[in-house]
């Protein structure tokens, strides 16, 4: 977004009544009817460009086209996949992810992203709710699938090894290292189809291009929504394509089609990375470096030495780790022009250190799964950290409403509500939940509380929901509390978020024990069996009783006001 656009947005900040309402005056041109149209166009424009690279191997756009076509043909002829069926992707950042993603799109099916680190309990819910026909997983996580597959049968299970898209020798090295040296693949035994067998069969099968409409659902992206019970946000081809064009309206002046190199350390199964790193930059014909394990800082910083990258995205935690890594500080940042952040607030110190080191500011934005995800972003003209979420992106309206659904005066906090072409169709098979977040005038209620600053920028001040955001991931207290309350030696439990220097927020739980001998360690071990790692409580405080109102409802606020920041 250039300075002229920023000025236009600022002029539209408030209505004549002085209420908090922002209308993006700039718009965009819808270039494609479907993600398939977009993909085919990029393949035709940039056939020999490297599309994705990972662990020393790469796929050009021509090769990505060939591989995804073969898998799509296999889906159609061998599995009978047709328009609207759901296919689950339970993969980390690896070359198989974009191959499978575009294969699903190419046969008219719906992508269902699944966090590979999910526990059996979490996985069981998503499989049951989405009703997927086919599940594609990495062998590293097959042991989790084995625990639920008999309860919720999936018609077809495809299992891949991490090196399956690599040349033969490299593939064998990766396989041997993971299975026998690092021992990262727990034993499992399930009836399945090997990924490479599917690809081999698909290469000899004809591919039928499906008919797709803009309002067809392309993606079921799971989120807690208003209650913490995971639901699939139905994002259509039109929603996702709109957000691509809206983001291009922000960054377009800096992007050179066919020349950008982006680093993807955030998982593509997360909506932020899927849109910003994958879909947007496939449309741009960019080269994408996929980082499979961002926790292995030494390895992936070493891989950056070979890539003169121009774009990077991350959350506060990732940026903080990078600026403190000696190897990263020695890299060449001459090509870097865009550093994007979302998912959690960027700390001022981290933002300052990043800009001092790389010469580029971190551009912070705001989005939600239900909005594909981007809603607002800071102008590219900023030269220092603003601590805000900026301005609404193209063709997006924002209003701040009070509890009576009336716009609040400028400078006062209110619930941030959104209208725009990127807003979801609704929650999959949850019409009641959908009606809770859309009002009669069509505004999507985010549950976040914001205000407009003196500079005319949006600033988040609170969350209407009790959501906890750990390293950019949504953690819903009700889910943690359900797990804890099922423990035989716990009578009551409440989860809250507390400030963390490393992850933005951390989970703290207050527990009332039935059995006095129950220890913190026992609770953490129990939670690790039931919850993904970032949801596991970091701090446990035992109480004889929890504060409650006269109706017996736990006073969560009374607990959070006395909770101290986590010590890092």
Protein backbone atom coordinates (compact mmCIF):
# COMPACT_ATOMS: atom_id res chain seq x y z
CA UNK A 1 0.00 0.00 0.00
CA UNK A 2 1.54 3.35 -1.00
CA UNK A 3 1.30 6.66 0.85
CA UNK A 4 -1.51 7.88 -1.40
CA UNK A 5 -3.61 4.83 -0.53
CA UNK A 6 -2.81 5.28 3.16
CA UNK A 7 -4.01 8.86 3.04
CA UNK A 8 -7.22 7.78 1.34
CA UNK A 9 -7.90 5.24 4.06
CA UNK A 10 -7.22 7.77 6.80
CA UNK A 11 -9.70 10.16 5.20
CA UNK A 12 -12.34 7.44 5.42
CA UNK A 13 -11.62 6.79 9.10
CA UNK A 14 -14.77 8.23 10.63
CA UNK A 15 -18.30 8.82 9.47
CA UNK A 16 -19.91 12.29 9.82
CA UNK A 17 -21.33 11.12 13.15
CA UNK A 18 -17.79 10.64 14.49
CA UNK A 19 -18.17 6.89 14.96
CA UNK A 20 -15.37 4.35 14.61
CA UNK A 21 -15.68 3.07 11.09
CA UNK A 22 -13.00 2.43 8.50
CA UNK A 23 -13.73 1.88 4.83
CA UNK A 24 -10.96 0.98 2.42
CA UNK A 25 -11.60 3.19 -0.59
CA UNK A 26 -9.29 1.29 -2.93
CA UNK A 27 -10.55 -1.85 -4.65
CA UNK A 28 -9.10 -4.63 -6.78
CA UNK A 29 -9.79 -6.52 -9.98
CA UNK A 30 -10.81 -10.18 -9.66
CA UNK A 31 -8.46 -11.93 -12.10
CA UNK A 32 -9.49 -15.58 -11.75
CA UNK A 33 -12.64 -17.65 -11.28
CA UNK A 34 -10.96 -20.33 -9.18
CA UNK A 35 -7.68 -21.28 -7.54
CA UNK A 36 -7.28 -23.77 -10.38
CA UNK A 37 -7.37 -20.91 -12.92
CA UNK A 38 -4.75 -19.09 -10.87
CA UNK A 39 -2.49 -22.14 -10.63
CA UNK A 40 -2.70 -22.92 -14.34
CA UNK A 41 -1.85 -19.31 -15.18
CA UNK A 42 1.24 -19.34 -12.96
CA UNK A 43 2.44 -22.63 -14.46
CA UNK A 44 2.08 -21.19 -17.96
CA UNK A 45 3.89 -17.96 -17.05
CA UNK A 46 6.75 -19.36 -14.95
CA UNK A 47 7.29 -23.02 -16.01
CA UNK A 48 11.03 -23.10 -15.35
CA UNK A 49 11.08 -21.06 -12.12
CA UNK A 50 11.73 -22.97 -8.92
CA UNK A 51 8.37 -23.13 -7.15
CA UNK A 52 9.29 -24.91 -3.90
CA UNK A 53 12.53 -26.18 -2.38
CA UNK A 54 13.09 -28.22 0.75
CA UNK A 55 15.99 -30.17 2.29
CA UNK A 56 18.18 -29.77 -0.78
CA UNK A 57 15.60 -30.67 -3.45
CA UNK A 58 13.29 -28.49 -5.51
CA UNK A 59 10.29 -28.53 -7.85
CA UNK A 60 9.86 -26.12 -10.75
CA UNK A 61 6.39 -24.89 -11.67
CA UNK A 62 6.46 -27.30 -14.61
CA UNK A 63 7.30 -30.21 -12.26
CA UNK A 64 4.70 -29.08 -9.72
CA UNK A 65 2.15 -29.09 -12.54
CA UNK A 66 3.15 -32.61 -13.61
CA UNK A 67 3.21 -34.04 -10.07
CA UNK A 68 -0.06 -32.48 -8.94
CA UNK A 69 -1.76 -33.57 -12.18
CA UNK A 70 -0.69 -37.18 -11.60
CA UNK A 71 -2.00 -37.19 -8.03
CA UNK A 72 -5.25 -35.52 -9.10
CA UNK A 73 -5.73 -38.21 -11.78
CA UNK A 74 -5.16 -40.89 -9.14
CA UNK A 75 -7.76 -39.26 -6.90
CA UNK A 76 -10.28 -39.18 -9.73
CA UNK A 77 -9.82 -42.66 -11.23
CA UNK A 78 -8.60 -44.83 -8.36
CA UNK A 79 -10.44 -43.21 -5.43
CA UNK A 80 -13.47 -41.80 -7.22
CA UNK A 81 -12.98 -38.31 -5.79
CA UNK A 82 -15.41 -35.75 -7.19
CA UNK A 83 -16.30 -32.10 -6.60
CA UNK A 84 -16.97 -31.20 -2.97
CA UNK A 85 -15.45 -34.25 -1.29
CA UNK A 86 -13.06 -33.49 1.57
CA UNK A 87 -9.41 -34.57 1.56
CA UNK A 88 -7.32 -34.13 4.69
CA UNK A 89 -3.72 -32.91 4.57
CA UNK A 90 -1.75 -33.85 7.67
CA UNK A 91 1.67 -32.73 6.48
CA UNK A 92 4.42 -30.40 7.70
CA UNK A 93 6.27 -28.07 5.33
CA UNK A 94 7.66 -30.47 2.72
CA UNK A 95 7.45 -30.79 -1.07
CA UNK A 96 4.49 -33.15 -0.80
CA UNK A 97 2.37 -30.38 0.69
CA UNK A 98 2.07 -28.13 -2.40
CA UNK A 99 1.82 -31.19 -4.67
CA UNK A 100 -1.12 -32.57 -2.65
CA UNK A 101 -2.69 -29.13 -2.10
CA UNK A 102 -2.95 -28.38 -5.81
CA UNK A 103 -3.90 -31.98 -6.64
CA UNK A 104 -6.93 -31.61 -4.37
CA UNK A 105 -7.85 -28.30 -5.99
CA UNK A 106 -7.35 -29.83 -9.45
CA UNK A 107 -9.95 -32.53 -8.86
CA UNK A 108 -12.50 -30.09 -7.42
CA UNK A 109 -12.28 -31.43 -3.87
CA UNK A 110 -12.02 -29.45 -0.62
CA UNK A 111 -8.74 -29.15 1.27
CA UNK A 112 -8.93 -29.88 5.00
CA UNK A 113 -5.71 -28.85 6.75
CA UNK A 114 -4.82 -30.86 9.85
CA UNK A 115 -2.06 -30.03 12.31
CA UNK A 116 0.36 -33.02 12.18
CA UNK A 117 1.11 -32.54 15.89
CA UNK A 118 -2.48 -33.15 16.94
CA UNK A 119 -3.12 -35.73 19.61
CA UNK A 120 -5.52 -38.59 18.94
CA UNK A 121 -8.33 -36.74 20.73
CA UNK A 122 -7.90 -33.60 18.63
CA UNK A 123 -7.55 -35.55 15.41
CA UNK A 124 -10.64 -37.65 16.14
CA UNK A 125 -12.81 -34.53 16.42
CA UNK A 126 -11.62 -32.99 13.16
CA UNK A 127 -11.95 -36.21 11.18
CA UNK A 128 -15.46 -36.74 12.49
CA UNK A 129 -16.59 -33.16 11.96
CA UNK A 130 -15.18 -32.74 8.44
CA UNK A 131 -16.22 -36.16 7.16
CA UNK A 132 -13.13 -36.49 5.01
CA UNK A 133 -12.97 -39.22 2.38
CA UNK A 134 -9.18 -39.40 2.05
CA UNK A 135 -6.35 -38.54 4.43
CA UNK A 136 -2.75 -37.84 3.36
CA UNK A 137 -0.21 -38.06 6.17
CA UNK A 138 3.51 -38.24 6.82
CA UNK A 139 4.72 -41.54 8.27
CA UNK A 140 6.06 -39.67 11.32
CA UNK A 141 2.46 -39.13 12.45
CA UNK A 142 0.87 -42.41 11.35
CA UNK A 143 0.93 -43.76 14.92
CA UNK A 144 -1.54 -41.04 15.93
CA UNK A 145 -3.86 -41.86 13.03
CA UNK A 146 -3.68 -45.54 14.00
CA UNK A 147 -5.28 -44.70 17.36
CA UNK A 148 -8.41 -43.18 15.79
CA UNK A 149 -8.85 -44.83 12.40
CA UNK A 150 -11.04 -47.65 13.74
CA UNK A 151 -13.36 -45.18 15.51
CA UNK A 152 -13.77 -42.90 12.51
CA UNK A 153 -13.01 -44.88 9.36
CA UNK A 154 -11.52 -42.93 6.48
CA UNK A 155 -12.11 -44.48 3.08
CA UNK A 156 -8.57 -43.97 1.83
CA UNK A 157 -5.32 -43.40 3.69
CA UNK A 158 -2.17 -42.29 1.83
CA UNK A 159 1.12 -42.36 3.73
CA UNK A 160 4.22 -40.51 2.59
CA UNK A 161 7.83 -40.55 3.73
CA UNK A 162 9.48 -37.16 4.16
CA UNK A 163 11.86 -37.71 1.23
CA UNK A 164 9.26 -38.96 -1.26
CA UNK A 165 9.62 -35.96 -3.59
CA UNK A 166 13.44 -36.10 -3.53
CA UNK A 167 15.85 -37.83 -5.94
CA UNK A 168 16.48 -41.55 -5.13
CA UNK A 169 19.77 -41.24 -3.25
CA UNK A 170 18.67 -38.24 -1.20
CA UNK A 171 15.36 -39.97 -0.49
CA UNK A 172 17.16 -43.01 0.95
CA UNK A 173 19.40 -40.83 3.12
CA UNK A 174 16.43 -38.94 4.57
CA UNK A 175 14.55 -42.18 5.19
CA UNK A 176 17.47 -43.87 6.94
CA UNK A 177 18.25 -40.80 9.05
CA UNK A 178 14.68 -40.32 10.28
CA UNK A 179 13.92 -43.98 10.90
CA UNK A 180 17.18 -45.34 12.28
CA UNK A 181 19.41 -42.48 13.46
CA UNK A 182 17.05 -39.80 14.77
CA UNK A 183 14.24 -42.35 15.31
CA UNK A 184 11.54 -39.79 14.51
CA UNK A 185 9.07 -42.31 13.10
CA UNK A 186 7.24 -44.30 15.81
CA UNK A 187 6.11 -47.79 14.84
CA UNK A 188 2.70 -48.07 13.22
CA UNK A 189 0.65 -50.51 11.20
CA UNK A 190 -2.38 -49.40 9.17
CA UNK A 191 -3.84 -50.40 5.84
CA UNK A 192 -2.77 -47.65 3.45
CA UNK A 193 -1.52 -46.65 0.02
CA UNK A 194 2.11 -45.44 -0.24
CA UNK A 195 2.34 -41.93 -1.66
CA UNK A 196 4.88 -42.89 -4.32
CA UNK A 197 2.67 -45.74 -5.55
CA UNK A 198 -0.21 -43.31 -5.96
CA UNK A 199 1.97 -40.93 -7.94
CA UNK A 200 3.25 -43.74 -10.18
CA UNK A 201 -0.26 -44.95 -10.98
CA UNK A 202 -1.53 -41.43 -11.54
CA UNK A 203 1.11 -40.67 -14.17
CA UNK A 204 -0.51 -43.19 -16.52
CA UNK A 205 -4.09 -42.04 -15.92
CA UNK A 206 -5.99 -39.31 -17.80
CA UNK A 207 -6.86 -36.14 -15.88
CA UNK A 208 -10.29 -34.49 -16.15
CA UNK A 209 -10.43 -30.78 -15.37
CA UNK A 210 -13.43 -30.08 -13.11
CA UNK A 211 -15.88 -27.22 -13.45
CA UNK A 212 -15.41 -24.84 -10.53
CA UNK A 213 -17.43 -21.80 -9.50
CA UNK A 214 -16.12 -18.86 -7.44
CA UNK A 215 -18.52 -19.65 -4.59
CA UNK A 216 -17.46 -23.31 -4.34
CA UNK A 217 -15.76 -24.14 -1.04
CA UNK A 218 -12.03 -24.66 -1.58
CA UNK A 219 -10.84 -24.97 2.01
CA UNK A 220 -12.17 -26.10 5.38
CA UNK A 221 -9.83 -24.38 7.82
CA UNK A 222 -10.49 -25.33 11.42
CA UNK A 223 -10.72 -22.72 14.16
CA UNK A 224 -12.35 -22.39 17.55
CA UNK A 225 -14.68 -19.60 16.42
CA UNK A 226 -16.79 -18.27 19.28
CA UNK A 227 -16.83 -21.25 21.62
CA UNK A 228 -13.51 -23.05 21.41
CA UNK A 229 -15.08 -26.15 19.83
CA UNK A 230 -13.12 -26.52 16.59
CA UNK A 231 -15.20 -25.79 13.49
CA UNK A 232 -14.32 -25.64 9.81
CA UNK A 233 -14.46 -22.16 8.32
CA UNK A 234 -15.76 -22.58 4.77
CA UNK A 235 -13.45 -20.49 2.59
CA UNK A 236 -14.49 -20.34 -1.06
CA UNK A 237 -12.34 -19.92 -4.14
CA UNK A 238 -13.64 -16.34 -4.29
CA UNK A 239 -12.71 -15.67 -0.65
CA UNK A 240 -9.13 -16.85 -1.09
CA UNK A 241 -8.64 -15.20 -4.47
CA UNK A 242 -9.98 -11.94 -3.08
CA UNK A 243 -7.49 -12.01 -0.24
CA UNK A 244 -4.64 -12.65 -2.69
CA UNK A 245 -5.60 -9.54 -4.65
CA UNK A 246 -6.15 -7.54 -1.46
CA UNK A 247 -2.66 -8.41 -0.21
CA UNK A 248 -1.19 -7.53 -3.61
CA UNK A 249 -2.81 -4.10 -3.25
CA UNK A 250 -0.70 -3.71 -0.09
CA UNK A 251 2.62 -5.16 -1.27
CA UNK A 252 2.24 -4.81 -5.03
CA UNK A 253 4.62 -1.88 -5.41
CA UNK A 254 7.46 -3.97 -4.00
CA UNK A 255 6.78 -7.35 -5.63
CA UNK A 256 8.39 -8.34 -8.92
CA UNK A 257 6.50 -11.28 -10.48
CA UNK A 258 8.72 -14.28 -11.15
CA UNK A 259 11.65 -12.96 -9.11
CA UNK A 260 10.75 -13.10 -5.41
CA UNK A 261 12.26 -15.62 -2.98
CA UNK A 262 10.26 -16.28 0.17
CA UNK A 263 11.16 -18.18 3.34
CA UNK A 264 8.38 -20.36 4.81
CA UNK A 265 9.17 -21.40 8.35
CA UNK A 266 5.57 -21.06 9.53
CA UNK A 267 3.52 -24.22 8.81
CA UNK A 268 1.49 -24.10 5.60
CA UNK A 269 -1.38 -25.90 7.33
CA UNK A 270 -1.91 -22.61 9.24
CA UNK A 271 -4.08 -20.09 7.36
CA UNK A 272 -1.54 -17.26 7.73
CA UNK A 273 1.28 -19.14 6.03
CA UNK A 274 -1.03 -20.86 3.54
CA UNK A 275 -2.18 -17.49 2.21
CA UNK A 276 0.87 -15.24 2.65
CA UNK A 277 3.59 -17.78 1.85
CA UNK A 278 1.93 -20.27 -0.47
CA UNK A 279 -1.08 -19.04 -2.45
CA UNK A 280 0.02 -15.42 -2.82
CA UNK A 281 3.52 -16.28 -3.97
CA UNK A 282 2.43 -19.10 -6.27
CA UNK A 283 0.32 -16.47 -8.01
CA UNK A 284 3.49 -14.35 -8.19
CA UNK A 285 5.63 -17.18 -9.63
CA UNK A 286 7.99 -16.90 -6.65
CA UNK A 287 10.49 -19.40 -5.27
CA UNK A 288 9.50 -20.75 -1.85
CA UNK A 289 11.98 -22.25 0.64
CA UNK A 290 10.06 -24.64 2.90
CA UNK A 291 11.44 -25.12 6.42
CA UNK A 292 10.26 -28.47 7.81
CA UNK A 293 11.53 -28.06 11.37
CA UNK A 294 11.89 -24.39 12.40
CA UNK A 295 12.95 -25.49 15.89
CA UNK A 296 16.22 -26.72 14.40
CA UNK A 297 17.57 -23.19 14.15
CA UNK A 298 21.10 -24.12 13.14
CA UNK A 299 19.96 -26.17 10.15
CA UNK A 300 17.47 -23.74 8.71
CA UNK A 301 19.62 -20.68 9.29
CA UNK A 302 22.36 -22.55 7.41
CA UNK A 303 19.92 -23.13 4.53
CA UNK A 304 19.27 -19.37 4.34
CA UNK A 305 22.92 -18.80 3.41
CA UNK A 306 22.13 -20.33 0.01
CA UNK A 307 19.07 -18.14 -0.62
CA UNK A 308 19.21 -14.38 -1.09
CA UNK A 309 15.64 -14.12 0.16
CA UNK A 310 13.43 -11.09 -0.45
CA UNK A 311 10.39 -11.91 1.73
CA UNK A 312 9.98 -13.59 5.11
CA UNK A 313 6.94 -14.07 7.31
CA UNK A 314 6.78 -14.98 10.97
CA UNK A 315 5.41 -14.44 14.42
CA UNK A 316 7.08 -12.65 17.30
CA UNK A 317 8.62 -15.87 18.63
CA UNK A 318 10.29 -16.68 15.32
CA UNK A 319 11.65 -13.18 14.78
CA UNK A 320 13.03 -13.10 18.33
CA UNK A 321 14.87 -16.38 17.80
CA UNK A 322 16.34 -15.21 14.51
CA UNK A 323 17.73 -11.90 15.76
CA UNK A 324 19.41 -13.74 18.63
CA UNK A 325 20.98 -16.45 16.45
CA UNK A 326 24.67 -15.77 15.65
CA UNK A 327 24.47 -17.42 12.23
CA UNK A 328 21.45 -15.39 11.18
CA UNK A 329 23.17 -12.15 12.10
CA UNK A 330 25.89 -12.94 9.53
CA UNK A 331 23.51 -13.33 6.57
CA UNK A 332 23.22 -11.03 3.58
CA UNK A 333 19.98 -9.03 3.83
CA UNK A 334 20.53 -6.89 0.74
CA UNK A 335 17.57 -8.47 -1.12
CA UNK A 336 15.15 -8.45 1.84
CA UNK A 337 12.34 -5.97 1.30
CA UNK A 338 9.28 -7.36 3.09
CA UNK A 339 9.07 -8.84 6.61
CA UNK A 340 5.50 -9.76 7.51
CA UNK A 341 4.08 -10.58 10.96
CA UNK A 342 0.73 -11.80 12.20
CA UNK A 343 -0.89 -14.21 14.63
CA UNK A 344 0.38 -12.44 17.75
CA UNK A 345 1.59 -8.92 18.63
CA UNK A 346 5.18 -8.06 17.79
CA UNK A 347 7.12 -6.75 20.77
CA UNK A 348 8.70 -3.35 20.25
CA UNK A 349 12.17 -4.59 21.22
CA UNK A 350 12.01 -7.44 18.70
CA UNK A 351 10.78 -5.08 15.97
CA UNK A 352 13.59 -2.62 16.70
CA UNK A 353 16.31 -5.30 16.74
CA UNK A 354 15.00 -6.76 13.48
CA UNK A 355 15.01 -3.43 11.69
CA UNK A 356 18.48 -2.57 13.02
CA UNK A 357 19.81 -5.91 11.78
CA UNK A 358 18.06 -6.31 8.42
CA UNK A 359 17.26 -2.74 7.46
CA UNK A 360 13.55 -3.54 6.94
CA UNK A 361 10.66 -2.96 9.37
CA UNK A 362 8.33 -5.76 10.38
CA UNK A 363 4.95 -5.03 8.78
CA UNK A 364 2.35 -6.16 11.28
CA UNK A 365 -1.17 -7.09 10.27
CA UNK A 366 -4.36 -8.59 11.63
CA UNK A 367 -6.43 -11.45 10.37
CA UNK A 368 -8.62 -14.39 11.28
CA UNK A 369 -9.18 -17.83 9.82
CA UNK A 370 -12.73 -16.74 8.98
CA UNK A 371 -11.34 -13.89 6.84
CA UNK A 372 -8.94 -15.90 4.66
CA UNK A 373 -7.15 -14.39 6.82
CA UNK A 374 -6.01 -10.77 6.26
CA UNK A 375 -8.26 -7.90 7.38
CA UNK A 376 -5.92 -5.01 8.21
CA UNK A 377 -2.23 -4.20 7.93
CA UNK A 378 0.20 -1.39 8.62
CA UNK A 379 1.13 0.78 5.61
CA UNK A 380 4.44 -0.03 3.94
CA UNK A 381 5.44 3.58 4.56
CA UNK A 382 6.00 3.00 8.29
CA UNK A 383 9.61 3.18 9.37
CA UNK A 384 9.19 2.06 12.95
CA UNK A 385 7.00 -0.20 15.07
CA UNK A 386 3.50 1.27 15.55
CA UNK A 387 2.05 -1.29 17.97
CA UNK A 388 -1.13 -1.27 15.88
CA UNK A 389 -2.75 -3.47 13.24
CA UNK A 390 -2.84 -0.63 10.73
CA UNK A 391 -5.65 -0.01 8.25
CA UNK A 392 -8.25 -2.17 6.51
CA UNK A 393 -7.08 -3.71 3.25
CA UNK A 394 -8.76 -3.10 -0.12
CA UNK A 395 -12.56 -3.52 -0.36
CA UNK A 396 -12.80 -4.11 3.39
CA UNK A 397 -15.09 -2.32 5.85
CA UNK A 398 -14.49 -2.25 9.58
CA UNK A 399 -16.75 -0.91 12.32
CA UNK A 400 -16.34 -0.96 16.10
CA UNK A 401 -19.59 -1.81 17.90
CA UNK A 402 -20.70 -1.70 21.52
CA UNK A 403 -22.76 -4.37 23.27
CA UNK A 404 -25.95 -2.85 21.81
CA UNK A 405 -24.48 -3.19 18.29
CA UNK A 406 -24.15 0.59 17.94
CA UNK A 407 -20.94 2.13 16.56
CA UNK A 408 -18.74 3.53 19.33
CA UNK A 409 -17.29 7.08 19.16
CA UNK A 410 -13.81 7.52 17.70
CA UNK A 411 -11.21 6.85 20.38
CA UNK A 412 -13.44 4.43 22.32
CA UNK A 413 -13.04 0.63 22.31
CA UNK A 414 -15.57 -1.60 20.59
CA UNK A 415 -15.88 -5.05 19.05
CA UNK A 416 -14.14 -5.17 15.67
CA UNK A 417 -16.60 -6.23 12.96
CA UNK A 418 -15.75 -6.84 9.30
CA UNK A 419 -17.33 -6.87 5.86
CA UNK A 420 -15.41 -7.85 2.76
CA UNK A 421 -15.07 -10.38 -0.07
CA UNK A 422 -12.57 -12.41 1.99
CA UNK A 423 -15.07 -13.19 4.79
CA UNK A 424 -16.02 -16.87 4.99
CA UNK A 425 -19.22 -18.49 3.78
CA UNK A 426 -19.89 -19.86 7.27
CA UNK A 427 -18.93 -22.73 9.56
CA UNK A 428 -19.14 -26.24 8.10
CA UNK A 429 -22.33 -27.94 9.38
CA UNK A 430 -22.62 -25.44 12.25
CA UNK A 431 -25.38 -23.05 11.22
CA UNK A 432 -26.06 -21.96 14.80
CA UNK A 433 -22.43 -20.99 15.30
CA UNK A 434 -22.51 -19.16 11.97
CA UNK A 435 -25.54 -17.14 13.08
CA UNK A 436 -23.71 -16.14 16.26
CA UNK A 437 -20.90 -14.39 14.37
CA UNK A 438 -22.92 -12.72 11.59
CA UNK A 439 -25.47 -10.06 12.49
CA UNK A 440 -28.54 -9.15 10.46
CA UNK A 441 -26.61 -6.46 8.55
CA UNK A 442 -23.98 -8.94 7.43
CA UNK A 443 -21.16 -7.84 9.74
CA UNK A 444 -18.80 -10.58 10.87
CA UNK A 445 -18.13 -10.18 14.60
CA UNK A 446 -14.51 -11.05 15.34
CA UNK A 447 -14.76 -11.10 19.13
CA UNK A 448 -11.73 -8.80 19.32
CA UNK A 449 -11.90 -5.36 20.95
CA UNK A 450 -10.16 -2.50 19.15
CA UNK A 451 -10.00 1.29 19.01
CA UNK A 452 -8.77 3.91 16.55
CA UNK A 453 -5.63 5.75 17.63
CA UNK A 454 -4.91 9.46 17.20
CA UNK A 455 -2.95 8.52 14.06
CA UNK A 456 -6.04 6.89 12.56
CA UNK A 457 -4.73 3.33 12.96
CA UNK A 458 -6.54 0.35 14.44
CA UNK A 459 -5.20 -0.93 17.73
CA UNK A 460 -6.25 -4.15 19.48
CA UNK A 461 -6.90 -3.53 23.16
CA UNK A 462 -8.60 -6.70 24.41
CA UNK A 463 -10.30 -9.90 23.37
CA UNK A 464 -13.95 -10.51 23.89
CA UNK A 465 -13.19 -14.19 23.70
CA UNK A 466 -11.03 -15.83 26.32
CA UNK A 467 -8.74 -17.08 23.60
CA UNK A 468 -5.03 -17.48 24.43
CA UNK A 469 -2.56 -16.93 21.57
CA UNK A 470 0.63 -18.97 21.93
CA UNK A 471 3.23 -18.26 19.23
CA UNK A 472 0.45 -17.28 16.83
CA UNK A 473 -1.72 -20.34 17.50
CA UNK A 474 -5.18 -20.03 19.02
CA UNK A 475 -5.60 -21.89 22.31
CA UNK A 476 -9.10 -22.10 23.73
CA UNK A 477 -9.33 -22.40 27.53
CA UNK A 478 -12.47 -24.52 27.32
CA UNK A 479 -10.59 -27.27 25.48
CA UNK A 480 -7.82 -27.39 28.12
CA UNK A 481 -10.39 -27.26 30.92
CA UNK A 482 -12.33 -30.17 29.42
CA UNK A 483 -9.18 -32.29 29.35
CA UNK A 484 -8.23 -31.39 32.92
CA UNK A 485 -11.72 -31.93 34.29
CA UNK A 486 -11.67 -35.47 32.90
CA UNK A 487 -8.69 -36.28 35.11
CA UNK A 488 -9.90 -38.51 37.97
CA UNK A 489 -7.94 -36.55 40.60
CA UNK A 490 -9.08 -33.05 39.55
CA UNK A 491 -12.36 -31.51 40.68
CA UNK A 492 -12.10 -28.14 38.92
CA UNK A 493 -9.72 -26.39 36.56
CA UNK A 494 -9.53 -23.03 34.79
CA UNK A 495 -7.06 -22.03 32.07
CA UNK A 496 -5.91 -18.46 31.47
CA UNK A 497 -3.27 -16.73 29.40
CA UNK A 498 -0.37 -14.80 30.79
CA UNK A 499 2.23 -12.63 29.12
CA UNK A 500 5.33 -14.43 27.88
CA UNK A 501 8.51 -12.90 26.52
CA UNK A 502 9.06 -15.91 24.27
CA UNK A 503 5.62 -16.91 22.94
CA UNK A 504 3.44 -13.82 23.36
CA UNK A 505 1.25 -15.69 25.81
CA UNK A 506 1.58 -18.90 27.78
CA UNK A 507 -1.07 -21.16 29.32
CA UNK A 508 -1.51 -21.14 33.07
CA UNK A 509 -4.06 -23.36 34.83
CA UNK A 510 -5.61 -23.11 38.27
CA UNK A 511 -6.45 -26.56 39.62
CA UNK A 512 -8.53 -27.78 42.55
CA UNK A 513 -7.42 -31.28 43.41
CA UNK A 514 -9.50 -34.24 44.57
CA UNK A 515 -6.31 -36.10 45.44
CA UNK A 516 -3.76 -33.97 47.38
CA UNK A 517 -0.84 -36.08 46.15
CA UNK A 518 -1.43 -35.02 42.51
CA UNK A 519 1.67 -33.16 41.27
CA UNK A 520 2.37 -30.54 38.61
CA UNK A 521 4.52 -33.03 36.72
CA UNK A 522 1.72 -35.59 36.61
CA UNK A 523 -0.69 -33.00 35.23
CA UNK A 524 1.75 -31.89 32.53
CA UNK A 525 2.45 -35.48 31.47
CA UNK A 526 -1.31 -36.10 31.28
CA UNK A 527 -1.87 -32.95 29.21
CA UNK A 528 0.91 -33.89 26.78
CA UNK A 529 -0.99 -37.09 26.01
CA UNK A 530 -4.18 -35.16 25.25
CA UNK A 531 -3.08 -31.83 23.79
CA UNK A 532 -0.75 -30.44 21.14
CA UNK A 533 2.46 -29.11 22.66
CA UNK A 534 1.63 -25.39 22.48
CA UNK A 535 -1.63 -26.02 24.41
CA UNK A 536 0.08 -27.78 27.33
CA UNK A 537 0.09 -25.58 30.46
CA UNK A 538 3.40 -23.95 31.33
CA UNK A 539 2.40 -23.02 34.87
CA UNK A 540 0.11 -24.83 37.28
CA UNK A 541 -1.23 -23.27 40.46
CA UNK A 542 -3.15 -25.36 42.97
CA UNK A 543 -6.09 -23.71 44.76
CA UNK A 544 -8.41 -24.90 47.51
CA UNK A 545 -11.27 -23.24 45.62
CA UNK A 546 -11.86 -21.03 42.58
CA UNK A 547 -13.51 -17.57 42.81
CA UNK A 548 -17.12 -17.65 41.61
CA UNK A 549 -20.10 -15.34 41.26
CA UNK A 550 -23.45 -16.00 43.00
CA UNK A 551 -24.54 -18.16 40.07
CA UNK A 552 -21.51 -20.41 40.44
CA UNK A 553 -19.64 -19.17 37.35
CA UNK A 554 -15.89 -19.02 37.77
CA UNK A 555 -14.62 -15.44 37.84
CA UNK A 556 -11.87 -15.82 35.28
CA UNK A 557 -11.06 -12.12 35.46
CA UNK A 558 -10.31 -12.39 39.18
CA UNK A 559 -7.69 -15.02 38.37
CA UNK A 560 -6.09 -13.17 35.45
CA UNK A 561 -5.69 -9.92 37.38
CA UNK A 562 -3.41 -11.59 39.94
CA UNK A 563 -1.51 -13.71 37.44
CA UNK A 564 2.08 -12.57 37.01
CA UNK A 565 3.96 -12.57 33.69
CA UNK A 566 5.84 -15.73 32.86
CA UNK A 567 9.54 -15.51 33.61
CA UNK A 568 11.69 -16.32 30.61
